[in-house]
Amino acid sequence: MLFLCLSRQEGEKVMKTKIFPILALIRSTIAQLLGGWDTALQTLILFMAIDYITG
């Protein structure tokens, strides 16, 4: 059991330190190439996130 917990924690660390920054770079590059994020799109994403969180 302890081995599974340790490997899971190491996997989460890899996700946070290596994979997430790479995904953020790719997403921001695509957004910039498509014209950036305007205020309406930011507002839409914000309210979609709030709706998803509150159910």
C-alpha atoms as a PDB file:
ATOM      1  CA  MET A   1       0.000   0.000   0.000  1.00  0.00           C
ATOM      2  CA  LEU A   2       2.736   2.454   0.908  1.00  0.00           C
ATOM      3  CA  PHE A   3       4.487   1.814  -2.418  1.00  0.00           C
ATOM      4  CA  LEU A   4       1.312   2.724  -4.332  1.00  0.00           C
ATOM      5  CA  CYS A   5       0.947   5.961  -2.380  1.00  0.00           C
ATOM      6  CA  LEU A   6       4.542   6.952  -3.026  1.00  0.00           C
ATOM      7  CA  SER A   7       4.342   6.251  -6.737  1.00  0.00           C
ATOM      8  CA  ARG A   8       1.085   8.197  -7.002  1.00  0.00           C
ATOM      9  CA  GLN A   9       2.637  11.195  -5.273  1.00  0.00           C
ATOM     10  CA  GLU A  10       5.609  11.054  -7.603  1.00  0.00           C
ATOM     11  CA  GLY A  11       3.252  10.868 -10.589  1.00  0.00           C
ATOM     12  CA  GLU A  12       1.372  13.937  -9.382  1.00  0.00           C
ATOM     13  CA  LYS A  13       4.663  15.772  -8.954  1.00  0.00           C
ATOM     14  CA  VAL A  14       5.622  14.975 -12.554  1.00  0.00           C
ATOM     15  CA  MET A  15       2.226  16.246 -13.735  1.00  0.00           C
ATOM     16  CA  LYS A  16       2.603  19.517 -11.847  1.00  0.00           C
ATOM     17  CA  THR A  17       6.206  20.204 -12.779  1.00  0.00           C
ATOM     18  CA  LYS A  18       6.490  18.929 -16.351  1.00  0.00           C
ATOM     19  CA  ILE A  19       3.205  18.210 -18.098  1.00  0.00           C
ATOM     20  CA  PHE A  20       1.054  21.144 -16.965  1.00  0.00           C
ATOM     21  CA  PRO A  21       3.572  23.823 -18.024  1.00  0.00           C
ATOM     22  CA  ILE A  22       3.934  22.193 -21.437  1.00  0.00           C
ATOM     23  CA  LEU A  23       0.155  22.097 -21.903  1.00  0.00           C
ATOM     24  CA  ALA A  24      -0.129  25.724 -20.796  1.00  0.00           C
ATOM     25  CA  LEU A  25       2.515  26.743 -23.315  1.00  0.00           C
ATOM     26  CA  ILE A  26       0.734  24.922 -26.139  1.00  0.00           C
ATOM     27  CA  ARG A  27      -2.658  26.384 -25.228  1.00  0.00           C
ATOM     28  CA  SER A  28      -1.371  29.923 -24.893  1.00  0.00           C
ATOM     29  CA  THR A  29       0.475  29.654 -28.207  1.00  0.00           C
ATOM     30  CA  ILE A  30      -2.685  28.483 -29.981  1.00  0.00           C
ATOM     31  CA  ALA A  31      -4.734  31.246 -28.363  1.00  0.00           C
ATOM     32  CA  GLN A  32      -2.182  33.855 -29.426  1.00  0.00           C
ATOM     33  CA  LEU A  33      -2.132  32.550 -33.005  1.00  0.00           C
ATOM     34  CA  LEU A  34      -5.923  32.725 -33.171  1.00  0.00           C
ATOM     35  CA  GLY A  35      -6.032  36.348 -32.103  1.00  0.00           C
ATOM     36  CA  GLY A  36      -5.685  36.195 -28.351  1.00  0.00           C
ATOM     37  CA  TRP A  37      -8.281  36.210 -25.615  1.00  0.00           C
ATOM     38  CA  ASP A  38     -10.714  39.094 -25.768  1.00  0.00           C
ATOM     39  CA  THR A  39     -12.817  40.184 -22.803  1.00  0.00           C
ATOM     40  CA  ALA A  40     -15.975  38.427 -24.005  1.00  0.00           C
ATOM     41  CA  LEU A  41     -14.172  35.083 -24.281  1.00  0.00           C
ATOM     42  CA  GLN A  42     -12.619  35.491 -20.830  1.00  0.00           C
ATOM     43  CA  THR A  43     -16.032  36.289 -19.357  1.00  0.00           C
ATOM     44  CA  LEU A  44     -17.591  33.264 -21.056  1.00  0.00           C
ATOM     45  CA  ILE A  45     -14.888  30.919 -19.744  1.00  0.00           C
ATOM     46  CA  LEU A  46     -15.225  32.382 -16.244  1.00  0.00           C
ATOM     47  CA  PHE A  47     -18.977  31.855 -16.120  1.00  0.00           C
ATOM     48  CA  MET A  48     -18.655  28.361 -17.608  1.00  0.00           C
ATOM     49  CA  ALA A  49     -16.195  27.463 -14.847  1.00  0.00           C
ATOM     50  CA  ILE A  50     -18.491  28.906 -12.165  1.00  0.00           C
ATOM     51  CA  ASP A  51     -21.447  26.987 -13.627  1.00  0.00           C
ATOM     52  CA  TYR A  52     -19.455  23.752 -13.704  1.00  0.00           C
ATOM     53  CA  ILE A  53     -18.210  24.157 -10.122  1.00  0.00           C
ATOM     54  CA  THR A  54     -21.618  25.007  -8.667  1.00  0.00           C
ATOM     55  CA  GLY A  55     -23.336  22.213 -10.560  1.00  0.00           C
END
